[in-house]
Amino acid sequence: MINENDSPQNSLENQGKTVLSDDKNLMNITQYLKDVQQSHKRSIPPLEQWHPKHCGKMDLRVKANGEWWHEGQLVKRQALLDLFSKVLWKEDGKFYLKTPVEQIEIEVEDEPLLINQADQVEIEGKLYLQLTTTNQDVVIVDEEHPIFMREYQGELRPYVHVRFGINALIQRQSFYHLVNYGCLSETENGEAVLTLKSGDLVLHLST
């Protein structure tokens, strides 16, 4: 998991050993994300360190189109949505809002996060795909945060892994930007395949 709370371990100075290429890439990406997240003033709490008691369910639903509804009312305040998304937690296939003292189950139809921006950034001389959620989470596509296709109600949709087992749906316009960064080809069976590269990671997505 890569976020602004991560800190590279086993440094050259402390260990006197050669850092493997993958470790160096990880440290470079981690430092980049720290800088970017700080500029966005976005900080994710250390949810994995909290072990609160379960406090039942609340009437909060995240619809498949990304809308949040509370007791039948659409939540429109972006500041509140950003706060909710910071404390999202997934455990045993269920979604929760998690604090140090309580863990409350909510309903999520598909995934609770949305990608609305896709960019290409350079880190230590390599080009990476950078995805940004509507809540200003910044995700660098790598082996731990891959883009993948999954079916939802008969429709093939693109997602990226963000954190804590939680994925984000890549919105249509952002996916079109990814197509521009990649290469479309066709298999012998007539299936369209999008090839994307982020750092050393190469993804082949059936579209």
N, C-alpha and C. Protein backbone atom coordinates (compact mmCIF):
# COMPACT_ATOMS: atom_id res chain seq x y z
N MET A 1 0.84 -1.19 0.00
CA MET A 1 0.00 0.00 0.00
C MET A 1 0.88 1.23 0.00
N ILE A 2 0.59 2.15 -0.91
CA ILE A 2 1.37 3.37 -0.98
C ILE A 2 0.48 4.54 -0.62
N ASN A 3 0.82 5.26 0.41
CA ASN A 3 0.16 6.52 0.70
C ASN A 3 1.13 7.39 1.47
N GLU A 4 0.66 8.57 1.87
CA GLU A 4 1.58 9.52 2.46
C GLU A 4 2.07 9.12 3.84
N ASN A 5 1.49 8.03 4.40
CA ASN A 5 1.95 7.57 5.70
C ASN A 5 3.08 6.56 5.59
N ASP A 6 3.36 6.10 4.35
CA ASP A 6 4.42 5.13 4.16
C ASP A 6 5.78 5.78 4.29
N SER A 7 6.75 5.05 4.75
CA SER A 7 8.12 5.55 4.78
C SER A 7 9.05 4.45 4.30
N PRO A 8 9.92 4.73 3.30
CA PRO A 8 10.82 3.70 2.79
C PRO A 8 11.70 3.14 3.90
N GLN A 9 11.91 1.82 3.88
CA GLN A 9 12.72 1.16 4.89
C GLN A 9 13.98 0.61 4.26
N ASN A 10 14.90 0.15 5.13
CA ASN A 10 16.15 -0.47 4.67
C ASN A 10 16.92 0.45 3.74
N SER A 11 17.17 1.68 4.16
CA SER A 11 17.87 2.65 3.34
C SER A 11 19.32 2.24 3.17
N LEU A 12 19.96 2.78 2.14
CA LEU A 12 21.37 2.50 1.89
C LEU A 12 22.23 2.92 3.06
N GLU A 13 21.92 4.09 3.64
CA GLU A 13 22.74 4.61 4.72
C GLU A 13 22.71 3.69 5.94
N ASN A 14 21.55 3.10 6.23
CA ASN A 14 21.42 2.30 7.43
C ASN A 14 21.87 0.85 7.22
N GLN A 15 21.71 0.35 6.01
CA GLN A 15 21.96 -1.07 5.78
C GLN A 15 23.27 -1.35 5.07
N GLY A 16 23.77 -0.37 4.31
CA GLY A 16 25.00 -0.59 3.57
C GLY A 16 24.86 -1.63 2.49
N LYS A 17 23.63 -1.82 1.99
CA LYS A 17 23.37 -2.82 0.96
C LYS A 17 22.84 -2.13 -0.29
N THR A 18 22.91 -2.83 -1.38
CA THR A 18 22.38 -2.30 -2.63
C THR A 18 20.86 -2.44 -2.63
N VAL A 19 20.17 -1.34 -2.91
CA VAL A 19 18.72 -1.38 -2.97
C VAL A 19 18.30 -1.92 -4.33
N LEU A 20 17.43 -2.92 -4.34
CA LEU A 20 16.95 -3.50 -5.59
C LEU A 20 16.20 -2.45 -6.38
N SER A 21 16.15 -2.65 -7.69
CA SER A 21 15.49 -1.69 -8.58
C SER A 21 14.04 -1.46 -8.17
N ASP A 22 13.31 -2.55 -7.84
CA ASP A 22 11.91 -2.41 -7.44
C ASP A 22 11.79 -1.58 -6.17
N ASP A 23 12.71 -1.79 -5.22
CA ASP A 23 12.67 -1.02 -3.97
C ASP A 23 12.93 0.45 -4.25
N LYS A 24 13.86 0.73 -5.14
CA LYS A 24 14.18 2.11 -5.48
C LYS A 24 12.99 2.78 -6.15
N ASN A 25 12.34 2.06 -7.06
CA ASN A 25 11.15 2.59 -7.71
C ASN A 25 10.07 2.89 -6.68
N LEU A 26 9.91 1.97 -5.72
CA LEU A 26 8.90 2.14 -4.68
C LEU A 26 9.19 3.39 -3.85
N MET A 27 10.46 3.59 -3.49
CA MET A 27 10.82 4.76 -2.69
C MET A 27 10.61 6.05 -3.48
N ASN A 28 10.94 6.02 -4.77
CA ASN A 28 10.75 7.20 -5.61
C ASN A 28 9.26 7.57 -5.71
N ILE A 29 8.42 6.54 -5.94
CA ILE A 29 6.98 6.78 -6.05
C ILE A 29 6.42 7.26 -4.73
N THR A 30 6.86 6.65 -3.63
CA THR A 30 6.38 7.03 -2.31
C THR A 30 6.70 8.50 -2.02
N GLN A 31 7.93 8.91 -2.33
CA GLN A 31 8.31 10.29 -2.08
C GLN A 31 7.51 11.23 -2.96
N TYR A 32 7.30 10.84 -4.21
CA TYR A 32 6.51 11.66 -5.12
C TYR A 32 5.09 11.83 -4.59
N LEU A 33 4.49 10.73 -4.14
CA LEU A 33 3.12 10.79 -3.62
C LEU A 33 3.04 11.65 -2.37
N LYS A 34 4.05 11.57 -1.52
CA LYS A 34 4.07 12.42 -0.33
C LYS A 34 4.01 13.89 -0.73
N ASP A 35 4.83 14.25 -1.70
CA ASP A 35 4.88 15.64 -2.14
C ASP A 35 3.56 16.06 -2.77
N VAL A 36 3.00 15.20 -3.62
CA VAL A 36 1.74 15.53 -4.30
C VAL A 36 0.59 15.62 -3.30
N GLN A 37 0.51 14.63 -2.40
CA GLN A 37 -0.60 14.63 -1.43
C GLN A 37 -0.52 15.85 -0.53
N GLN A 38 0.69 16.25 -0.15
CA GLN A 38 0.83 17.43 0.69
C GLN A 38 0.36 18.68 -0.04
N SER A 39 0.67 18.74 -1.35
CA SER A 39 0.24 19.90 -2.13
C SER A 39 -1.28 19.93 -2.26
N HIS A 40 -1.91 18.76 -2.21
CA HIS A 40 -3.37 18.69 -2.26
C HIS A 40 -3.99 18.81 -0.86
N LYS A 41 -3.14 18.84 0.16
CA LYS A 41 -3.60 18.89 1.54
C LYS A 41 -4.53 17.71 1.85
N ARG A 42 -4.18 16.54 1.30
CA ARG A 42 -4.98 15.34 1.47
C ARG A 42 -4.20 14.36 2.32
N SER A 43 -4.72 13.95 3.46
CA SER A 43 -4.02 13.04 4.35
C SER A 43 -4.96 11.94 4.79
N ILE A 44 -4.53 10.69 4.60
CA ILE A 44 -5.34 9.54 4.98
C ILE A 44 -4.91 9.06 6.36
N PRO A 45 -5.82 8.94 7.31
CA PRO A 45 -5.47 8.46 8.65
C PRO A 45 -4.94 7.03 8.61
N PRO A 46 -4.20 6.62 9.62
CA PRO A 46 -3.66 5.24 9.67
C PRO A 46 -4.73 4.24 10.11
N LEU A 47 -5.71 4.02 9.25
CA LEU A 47 -6.86 3.19 9.60
C LEU A 47 -6.45 1.78 9.99
N GLU A 48 -5.38 1.27 9.35
CA GLU A 48 -4.97 -0.10 9.62
C GLU A 48 -4.46 -0.27 11.05
N GLN A 49 -4.16 0.84 11.73
CA GLN A 49 -3.68 0.78 13.11
C GLN A 49 -4.81 0.91 14.13
N TRP A 50 -5.99 1.19 13.65
CA TRP A 50 -7.13 1.36 14.55
C TRP A 50 -7.91 0.05 14.65
N HIS A 51 -8.34 -0.29 15.86
CA HIS A 51 -9.10 -1.53 16.09
C HIS A 51 -10.34 -1.23 16.95
N PRO A 52 -11.27 -0.46 16.38
CA PRO A 52 -12.46 -0.08 17.14
C PRO A 52 -13.49 -1.20 17.17
N LYS A 53 -14.51 -1.04 17.98
CA LYS A 53 -15.60 -2.01 18.00
C LYS A 53 -16.58 -1.71 16.87
N HIS A 54 -17.25 -2.75 16.41
CA HIS A 54 -18.27 -2.57 15.38
C HIS A 54 -19.52 -1.98 16.03
N CYS A 55 -20.07 -0.97 15.36
CA CYS A 55 -21.21 -0.26 15.94
C CYS A 55 -22.44 -0.32 15.05
N GLY A 56 -22.63 -1.47 14.38
CA GLY A 56 -23.83 -1.65 13.57
C GLY A 56 -23.75 -0.94 12.23
N LYS A 57 -24.93 -0.64 11.67
CA LYS A 57 -25.03 -0.03 10.35
C LYS A 57 -25.63 1.37 10.45
N MET A 58 -25.36 2.16 9.40
CA MET A 58 -26.04 3.44 9.27
C MET A 58 -26.66 3.51 7.88
N ASP A 59 -27.67 4.34 7.73
CA ASP A 59 -28.38 4.45 6.46
C ASP A 59 -27.59 5.38 5.53
N LEU A 60 -26.47 4.87 5.05
CA LEU A 60 -25.62 5.60 4.11
C LEU A 60 -25.29 4.67 2.95
N ARG A 61 -25.65 5.10 1.75
CA ARG A 61 -25.44 4.26 0.57
C ARG A 61 -24.64 5.02 -0.48
N VAL A 62 -23.63 4.32 -1.03
CA VAL A 62 -22.88 4.86 -2.16
C VAL A 62 -23.37 4.15 -3.41
N LYS A 63 -24.01 4.89 -4.29
CA LYS A 63 -24.57 4.27 -5.48
C LYS A 63 -23.48 4.00 -6.51
N ALA A 64 -23.84 3.19 -7.51
CA ALA A 64 -22.86 2.79 -8.53
C ALA A 64 -22.37 3.96 -9.36
N ASN A 65 -23.13 5.06 -9.38
CA ASN A 65 -22.71 6.24 -10.13
C ASN A 65 -21.86 7.20 -9.28
N GLY A 66 -21.54 6.77 -8.05
CA GLY A 66 -20.68 7.58 -7.18
C GLY A 66 -21.41 8.50 -6.24
N GLU A 67 -22.74 8.59 -6.33
CA GLU A 67 -23.50 9.46 -5.43
C GLU A 67 -23.60 8.83 -4.04
N TRP A 68 -23.51 9.69 -3.02
CA TRP A 68 -23.68 9.26 -1.63
C TRP A 68 -25.05 9.73 -1.15
N TRP A 69 -25.83 8.80 -0.59
CA TRP A 69 -27.16 9.11 -0.09
C TRP A 69 -27.25 8.74 1.38
N HIS A 70 -27.76 9.68 2.18
CA HIS A 70 -27.93 9.45 3.62
C HIS A 70 -29.39 9.64 3.99
N GLU A 71 -30.00 8.58 4.48
CA GLU A 71 -31.41 8.59 4.87
C GLU A 71 -32.29 9.16 3.76
N GLY A 72 -32.00 8.71 2.52
CA GLY A 72 -32.81 9.11 1.38
C GLY A 72 -32.48 10.47 0.79
N GLN A 73 -31.49 11.16 1.34
CA GLN A 73 -31.11 12.48 0.86
C GLN A 73 -29.72 12.43 0.22
N LEU A 74 -29.60 13.07 -0.95
CA LEU A 74 -28.32 13.13 -1.63
C LEU A 74 -27.36 14.02 -0.86
N VAL A 75 -26.17 13.50 -0.56
CA VAL A 75 -25.14 14.30 0.12
C VAL A 75 -24.40 15.12 -0.93
N LYS A 76 -24.48 16.44 -0.82
CA LYS A 76 -23.89 17.32 -1.83
C LYS A 76 -22.64 18.04 -1.35
N ARG A 77 -22.44 18.13 -0.05
CA ARG A 77 -21.30 18.88 0.48
C ARG A 77 -20.00 18.13 0.20
N GLN A 78 -19.15 18.71 -0.64
CA GLN A 78 -17.91 18.04 -1.02
C GLN A 78 -17.00 17.82 0.18
N ALA A 79 -16.98 18.77 1.11
CA ALA A 79 -16.12 18.62 2.29
C ALA A 79 -16.53 17.40 3.10
N LEU A 80 -17.83 17.13 3.18
CA LEU A 80 -18.32 15.97 3.92
C LEU A 80 -17.97 14.68 3.18
N LEU A 81 -18.11 14.69 1.86
CA LEU A 81 -17.76 13.53 1.05
C LEU A 81 -16.27 13.22 1.16
N ASP A 82 -15.45 14.26 1.16
CA ASP A 82 -14.01 14.08 1.30
C ASP A 82 -13.68 13.46 2.66
N LEU A 83 -14.39 13.90 3.69
CA LEU A 83 -14.17 13.37 5.04
C LEU A 83 -14.56 11.90 5.10
N PHE A 84 -15.72 11.56 4.56
CA PHE A 84 -16.16 10.17 4.54
C PHE A 84 -15.15 9.28 3.82
N SER A 85 -14.67 9.75 2.67
CA SER A 85 -13.77 8.93 1.86
C SER A 85 -12.43 8.70 2.55
N LYS A 86 -12.04 9.60 3.44
CA LYS A 86 -10.79 9.43 4.18
C LYS A 86 -10.83 8.26 5.14
N VAL A 87 -12.02 7.95 5.66
CA VAL A 87 -12.13 6.91 6.69
C VAL A 87 -12.84 5.66 6.17
N LEU A 88 -12.84 5.49 4.84
CA LEU A 88 -13.41 4.28 4.25
C LEU A 88 -12.54 3.08 4.59
N TRP A 89 -13.21 1.99 4.93
CA TRP A 89 -12.50 0.77 5.29
C TRP A 89 -13.27 -0.41 4.72
N LYS A 90 -12.56 -1.43 4.24
CA LYS A 90 -13.20 -2.63 3.72
C LYS A 90 -12.69 -3.85 4.47
N GLU A 91 -13.62 -4.68 4.90
CA GLU A 91 -13.25 -5.84 5.71
C GLU A 91 -14.25 -6.96 5.43
N ASP A 92 -13.75 -8.13 5.04
CA ASP A 92 -14.60 -9.28 4.75
C ASP A 92 -15.69 -8.94 3.73
N GLY A 93 -15.30 -8.13 2.73
CA GLY A 93 -16.23 -7.81 1.66
C GLY A 93 -17.24 -6.73 1.99
N LYS A 94 -17.18 -6.17 3.21
CA LYS A 94 -18.12 -5.12 3.61
C LYS A 94 -17.39 -3.79 3.77
N PHE A 95 -18.13 -2.69 3.57
CA PHE A 95 -17.56 -1.35 3.67
C PHE A 95 -17.98 -0.68 4.97
N TYR A 96 -17.05 0.10 5.51
CA TYR A 96 -17.29 0.77 6.78
C TYR A 96 -16.74 2.19 6.75
N LEU A 97 -17.24 3.02 7.66
CA LEU A 97 -16.58 4.26 8.04
C LEU A 97 -15.91 3.96 9.37
N LYS A 98 -14.60 4.21 9.44
CA LYS A 98 -13.82 3.75 10.58
C LYS A 98 -13.13 4.91 11.29
N THR A 99 -13.28 4.96 12.59
CA THR A 99 -12.60 5.94 13.44
C THR A 99 -11.87 5.17 14.53
N PRO A 100 -11.08 5.85 15.36
CA PRO A 100 -10.39 5.12 16.43
C PRO A 100 -11.34 4.44 17.42
N VAL A 101 -12.60 4.90 17.50
CA VAL A 101 -13.50 4.36 18.53
C VAL A 101 -14.70 3.58 17.99
N GLU A 102 -14.98 3.69 16.68
CA GLU A 102 -16.13 2.96 16.16
C GLU A 102 -15.95 2.62 14.68
N GLN A 103 -16.61 1.55 14.27
CA GLN A 103 -16.57 1.10 12.88
C GLN A 103 -18.01 0.82 12.47
N ILE A 104 -18.54 1.65 11.55
CA ILE A 104 -19.94 1.61 11.19
C ILE A 104 -20.10 1.15 9.76
N GLU A 105 -20.91 0.13 9.55
CA GLU A 105 -21.10 -0.42 8.21
C GLU A 105 -21.98 0.49 7.36
N ILE A 106 -21.59 0.65 6.08
CA ILE A 106 -22.39 1.38 5.11
C ILE A 106 -22.61 0.48 3.90
N GLU A 107 -23.52 0.89 3.01
CA GLU A 107 -23.81 0.09 1.82
C GLU A 107 -23.13 0.73 0.60
N VAL A 108 -22.43 -0.09 -0.17
CA VAL A 108 -21.79 0.38 -1.40
C VAL A 108 -22.23 -0.54 -2.53
N GLU A 109 -22.86 0.06 -3.55
CA GLU A 109 -23.39 -0.76 -4.65
C GLU A 109 -22.26 -1.36 -5.50
N ASP A 110 -21.25 -0.56 -5.79
CA ASP A 110 -20.14 -1.05 -6.62
C ASP A 110 -18.82 -0.73 -5.91
N GLU A 111 -18.25 0.45 -6.16
CA GLU A 111 -17.06 0.92 -5.45
C GLU A 111 -17.33 2.35 -4.98
N PRO A 112 -16.74 2.77 -3.86
CA PRO A 112 -17.09 4.07 -3.28
C PRO A 112 -16.31 5.26 -3.83
N LEU A 113 -15.27 5.02 -4.65
CA LEU A 113 -14.44 6.11 -5.14
C LEU A 113 -14.54 6.22 -6.66
N LEU A 114 -14.34 7.43 -7.18
CA LEU A 114 -14.40 7.69 -8.62
C LEU A 114 -13.12 8.38 -9.07
N ILE A 115 -12.59 7.94 -10.20
CA ILE A 115 -11.46 8.62 -10.83
C ILE A 115 -12.01 9.60 -11.86
N ASN A 116 -11.62 10.87 -11.74
CA ASN A 116 -12.09 11.86 -12.71
C ASN A 116 -10.95 12.58 -13.42
N GLN A 117 -9.71 12.11 -13.21
CA GLN A 117 -8.57 12.73 -13.88
C GLN A 117 -7.49 11.69 -14.13
N ALA A 118 -6.95 11.68 -15.34
CA ALA A 118 -5.87 10.76 -15.70
C ALA A 118 -4.74 11.57 -16.33
N ASP A 119 -3.53 11.37 -15.83
CA ASP A 119 -2.37 12.10 -16.33
C ASP A 119 -1.21 11.14 -16.49
N GLN A 120 -0.17 11.64 -17.15
CA GLN A 120 1.08 10.91 -17.25
C GLN A 120 2.16 11.78 -16.61
N VAL A 121 2.92 11.20 -15.67
CA VAL A 121 3.92 11.97 -14.94
C VAL A 121 5.27 11.26 -15.04
N GLU A 122 6.34 12.03 -14.90
CA GLU A 122 7.68 11.46 -14.95
C GLU A 122 8.26 11.39 -13.54
N ILE A 123 8.72 10.21 -13.16
CA ILE A 123 9.36 9.99 -11.87
C ILE A 123 10.70 9.30 -12.12
N GLU A 124 11.77 9.98 -11.77
CA GLU A 124 13.12 9.43 -11.95
C GLU A 124 13.34 8.91 -13.37
N GLY A 125 12.88 9.71 -14.35
CA GLY A 125 13.13 9.37 -15.75
C GLY A 125 12.17 8.37 -16.36
N LYS A 126 11.19 7.88 -15.60
CA LYS A 126 10.22 6.93 -16.13
C LYS A 126 8.83 7.55 -16.13
N LEU A 127 8.04 7.22 -17.15
CA LEU A 127 6.68 7.73 -17.26
C LEU A 127 5.70 6.80 -16.53
N TYR A 128 4.88 7.39 -15.67
CA TYR A 128 3.87 6.64 -14.93
C TYR A 128 2.49 7.24 -15.20
N LEU A 129 1.47 6.40 -15.09
CA LEU A 129 0.09 6.88 -15.14
C LEU A 129 -0.31 7.33 -13.74
N GLN A 130 -0.89 8.52 -13.66
CA GLN A 130 -1.34 9.07 -12.38
C GLN A 130 -2.84 9.31 -12.47
N LEU A 131 -3.58 8.73 -11.54
CA LEU A 131 -5.03 8.87 -11.50
C LEU A 131 -5.44 9.62 -10.24
N THR A 132 -6.43 10.50 -10.37
CA THR A 132 -6.88 11.32 -9.25
C THR A 132 -8.37 11.12 -9.05
N THR A 133 -8.78 10.91 -7.80
CA THR A 133 -10.20 10.71 -7.51
C THR A 133 -10.90 12.06 -7.33
N THR A 134 -12.21 12.01 -7.27
CA THR A 134 -13.00 13.22 -7.03
C THR A 134 -12.74 13.78 -5.63
N ASN A 135 -12.12 12.98 -4.77
CA ASN A 135 -11.77 13.42 -3.41
C ASN A 135 -10.31 13.82 -3.29
N GLN A 136 -9.62 13.90 -4.45
CA GLN A 136 -8.22 14.33 -4.52
C GLN A 136 -7.23 13.30 -3.96
N ASP A 137 -7.60 12.02 -3.99
CA ASP A 137 -6.62 10.96 -3.77
C ASP A 137 -5.79 10.84 -5.05
N VAL A 138 -4.49 10.72 -4.91
CA VAL A 138 -3.61 10.56 -6.06
C VAL A 138 -3.06 9.13 -6.06
N VAL A 139 -3.25 8.42 -7.17
CA VAL A 139 -2.82 7.04 -7.28
C VAL A 139 -1.85 6.91 -8.44
N ILE A 140 -0.67 6.37 -8.17
CA ILE A 140 0.28 6.04 -9.23
C ILE A 140 0.06 4.57 -9.60
N VAL A 141 -0.20 4.31 -10.86
CA VAL A 141 -0.46 2.94 -11.30
C VAL A 141 0.84 2.13 -11.24
N ASP A 142 0.82 1.04 -10.46
CA ASP A 142 1.95 0.13 -10.35
C ASP A 142 1.42 -1.25 -10.02
N GLU A 143 2.30 -2.17 -9.62
CA GLU A 143 1.86 -3.55 -9.38
C GLU A 143 0.88 -3.63 -8.22
N GLU A 144 0.99 -2.75 -7.23
CA GLU A 144 0.07 -2.77 -6.09
C GLU A 144 -1.18 -1.95 -6.37
N HIS A 145 -1.14 -1.13 -7.39
CA HIS A 145 -2.28 -0.28 -7.74
C HIS A 145 -2.55 -0.40 -9.25
N PRO A 146 -2.95 -1.60 -9.68
CA PRO A 146 -3.15 -1.83 -11.12
C PRO A 146 -4.52 -1.35 -11.59
N ILE A 147 -4.59 -1.09 -12.88
CA ILE A 147 -5.88 -0.87 -13.53
C ILE A 147 -6.38 -2.23 -14.01
N PHE A 148 -7.67 -2.47 -13.84
CA PHE A 148 -8.25 -3.74 -14.28
C PHE A 148 -9.69 -3.53 -14.73
N MET A 149 -10.18 -4.48 -15.49
CA MET A 149 -11.56 -4.44 -15.98
C MET A 149 -12.40 -5.45 -15.18
N ARG A 150 -13.63 -5.06 -14.89
CA ARG A 150 -14.54 -5.94 -14.15
C ARG A 150 -15.96 -5.66 -14.59
N GLU A 151 -16.77 -6.69 -14.61
CA GLU A 151 -18.16 -6.51 -15.04
C GLU A 151 -19.04 -6.06 -13.88
N TYR A 152 -19.90 -5.10 -14.16
CA TYR A 152 -20.91 -4.68 -13.18
C TYR A 152 -22.23 -4.55 -13.91
N GLN A 153 -23.19 -5.38 -13.52
CA GLN A 153 -24.53 -5.41 -14.11
C GLN A 153 -24.47 -5.48 -15.64
N GLY A 154 -23.63 -6.39 -16.13
CA GLY A 154 -23.54 -6.64 -17.56
C GLY A 154 -22.66 -5.67 -18.32
N GLU A 155 -22.08 -4.68 -17.63
CA GLU A 155 -21.21 -3.69 -18.29
C GLU A 155 -19.77 -3.87 -17.81
N LEU A 156 -18.84 -3.90 -18.75
CA LEU A 156 -17.43 -4.01 -18.42
C LEU A 156 -16.91 -2.63 -18.04
N ARG A 157 -16.38 -2.52 -16.80
CA ARG A 157 -15.95 -1.21 -16.31
C ARG A 157 -14.48 -1.24 -15.89
N PRO A 158 -13.78 -0.09 -16.04
CA PRO A 158 -12.37 -0.03 -15.63
C PRO A 158 -12.23 0.49 -14.19
N TYR A 159 -11.32 -0.11 -13.44
CA TYR A 159 -11.09 0.27 -12.04
C TYR A 159 -9.59 0.35 -11.78
N VAL A 160 -9.24 0.98 -10.66
CA VAL A 160 -7.87 0.97 -10.17
C VAL A 160 -7.92 0.72 -8.67
N HIS A 161 -6.97 -0.07 -8.17
CA HIS A 161 -6.91 -0.29 -6.73
C HIS A 161 -6.32 0.94 -6.05
N VAL A 162 -6.95 1.39 -4.95
CA VAL A 162 -6.49 2.59 -4.27
C VAL A 162 -5.81 2.25 -2.95
N ARG A 163 -6.57 1.70 -1.99
CA ARG A 163 -5.99 1.37 -0.68
C ARG A 163 -6.97 0.50 0.10
N PHE A 164 -6.43 -0.25 1.06
CA PHE A 164 -7.24 -1.04 2.00
C PHE A 164 -8.25 -1.93 1.29
N GLY A 165 -7.89 -2.46 0.13
CA GLY A 165 -8.81 -3.32 -0.61
C GLY A 165 -9.90 -2.58 -1.35
N ILE A 166 -9.84 -1.25 -1.34
CA ILE A 166 -10.87 -0.42 -1.97
C ILE A 166 -10.41 0.02 -3.35
N ASN A 167 -11.32 -0.07 -4.31
CA ASN A 167 -11.02 0.33 -5.69
C ASN A 167 -11.78 1.60 -6.05
N ALA A 168 -11.37 2.21 -7.16
CA ALA A 168 -12.06 3.38 -7.69
C ALA A 168 -12.48 3.10 -9.12
N LEU A 169 -13.69 3.47 -9.45
CA LEU A 169 -14.18 3.35 -10.82
C LEU A 169 -13.58 4.49 -11.65
N ILE A 170 -13.01 4.15 -12.79
CA ILE A 170 -12.45 5.17 -13.68
C ILE A 170 -13.57 5.67 -14.59
N GLN A 171 -13.91 6.94 -14.46
CA GLN A 171 -15.01 7.48 -15.24
C GLN A 171 -14.66 7.51 -16.73
N ARG A 172 -15.71 7.56 -17.54
CA ARG A 172 -15.55 7.40 -18.98
C ARG A 172 -14.55 8.39 -19.58
N GLN A 173 -14.67 9.68 -19.25
CA GLN A 173 -13.78 10.67 -19.84
C GLN A 173 -12.32 10.42 -19.46
N SER A 174 -12.10 10.00 -18.23
CA SER A 174 -10.74 9.70 -17.78
C SER A 174 -10.19 8.46 -18.49
N PHE A 175 -11.07 7.49 -18.74
CA PHE A 175 -10.63 6.29 -19.45
C PHE A 175 -10.23 6.64 -20.88
N TYR A 176 -10.95 7.59 -21.50
CA TYR A 176 -10.57 8.03 -22.85
C TYR A 176 -9.17 8.63 -22.85
N HIS A 177 -8.83 9.36 -21.76
CA HIS A 177 -7.48 9.91 -21.66
C HIS A 177 -6.45 8.78 -21.57
N LEU A 178 -6.78 7.73 -20.83
CA LEU A 178 -5.88 6.59 -20.73
C LEU A 178 -5.67 5.93 -22.09
N VAL A 179 -6.74 5.86 -22.89
CA VAL A 179 -6.62 5.29 -24.23
C VAL A 179 -5.59 6.07 -25.05
N ASN A 180 -5.58 7.40 -24.87
CA ASN A 180 -4.62 8.24 -25.59
C ASN A 180 -3.18 7.96 -25.15
N TYR A 181 -3.00 7.51 -23.90
CA TYR A 181 -1.66 7.20 -23.40
C TYR A 181 -1.23 5.78 -23.77
N GLY A 182 -2.16 4.98 -24.25
CA GLY A 182 -1.86 3.58 -24.53
C GLY A 182 -1.93 3.25 -26.00
N CYS A 183 -2.13 1.97 -26.26
CA CYS A 183 -2.17 1.47 -27.64
C CYS A 183 -3.31 0.46 -27.76
N LEU A 184 -4.20 0.69 -28.71
CA LEU A 184 -5.32 -0.22 -28.95
C LEU A 184 -4.96 -1.22 -30.04
N SER A 185 -5.28 -2.48 -29.81
CA SER A 185 -5.05 -3.51 -30.79
C SER A 185 -6.24 -4.46 -30.80
N GLU A 186 -6.21 -5.42 -31.70
CA GLU A 186 -7.33 -6.36 -31.82
C GLU A 186 -6.79 -7.78 -31.88
N THR A 187 -7.42 -8.67 -31.14
CA THR A 187 -7.02 -10.07 -31.14
C THR A 187 -7.59 -10.78 -32.36
N GLU A 188 -7.18 -12.03 -32.55
CA GLU A 188 -7.70 -12.82 -33.67
C GLU A 188 -9.20 -13.03 -33.56
N ASN A 189 -9.70 -12.97 -32.33
CA ASN A 189 -11.14 -13.15 -32.11
C ASN A 189 -11.92 -11.85 -32.25
N GLY A 190 -11.23 -10.76 -32.62
CA GLY A 190 -11.90 -9.48 -32.78
C GLY A 190 -12.08 -8.71 -31.49
N GLU A 191 -11.41 -9.16 -30.43
CA GLU A 191 -11.52 -8.48 -29.13
C GLU A 191 -10.55 -7.31 -29.06
N ALA A 192 -11.05 -6.15 -28.64
CA ALA A 192 -10.20 -4.97 -28.52
C ALA A 192 -9.39 -5.05 -27.23
N VAL A 193 -8.10 -4.77 -27.32
CA VAL A 193 -7.21 -4.82 -26.17
C VAL A 193 -6.47 -3.48 -26.05
N LEU A 194 -6.52 -2.88 -24.87
CA LEU A 194 -5.80 -1.65 -24.60
C LEU A 194 -4.53 -1.98 -23.82
N THR A 195 -3.39 -1.61 -24.37
CA THR A 195 -2.11 -1.84 -23.70
C THR A 195 -1.63 -0.53 -23.08
N LEU A 196 -1.40 -0.55 -21.78
CA LEU A 196 -0.94 0.63 -21.05
C LEU A 196 0.37 0.33 -20.36
N LYS A 197 1.23 1.33 -20.28
CA LYS A 197 2.49 1.17 -19.57
C LYS A 197 2.60 2.25 -18.51
N SER A 198 2.98 1.83 -17.29
CA SER A 198 3.20 2.77 -16.19
C SER A 198 4.47 2.35 -15.48
N GLY A 199 5.54 3.13 -15.65
CA GLY A 199 6.83 2.68 -15.16
C GLY A 199 7.24 1.43 -15.91
N ASP A 200 7.58 0.36 -15.18
CA ASP A 200 7.93 -0.91 -15.80
C ASP A 200 6.74 -1.86 -15.95
N LEU A 201 5.58 -1.42 -15.44
CA LEU A 201 4.40 -2.27 -15.49
C LEU A 201 3.68 -2.11 -16.83
N VAL A 202 3.38 -3.24 -17.45
CA VAL A 202 2.62 -3.25 -18.71
C VAL A 202 1.30 -3.95 -18.47
N LEU A 203 0.19 -3.29 -18.82
CA LEU A 203 -1.15 -3.85 -18.61
C LEU A 203 -1.81 -4.06 -19.95
N HIS A 204 -2.50 -5.19 -20.08
CA HIS A 204 -3.28 -5.49 -21.29
C HIS A 204 -4.74 -5.63 -20.84
N LEU A 205 -5.57 -4.68 -21.23
CA LEU A 205 -6.97 -4.64 -20.77
C LEU A 205 -7.90 -4.95 -21.93
N SER A 206 -8.72 -5.98 -21.73
CA SER A 206 -9.74 -6.30 -22.73
C SER A 206 -10.89 -5.34 -22.57
N THR A 207 -11.21 -4.62 -23.63
CA THR A 207 -12.25 -3.60 -23.56
C THR A 207 -13.46 -3.96 -24.40
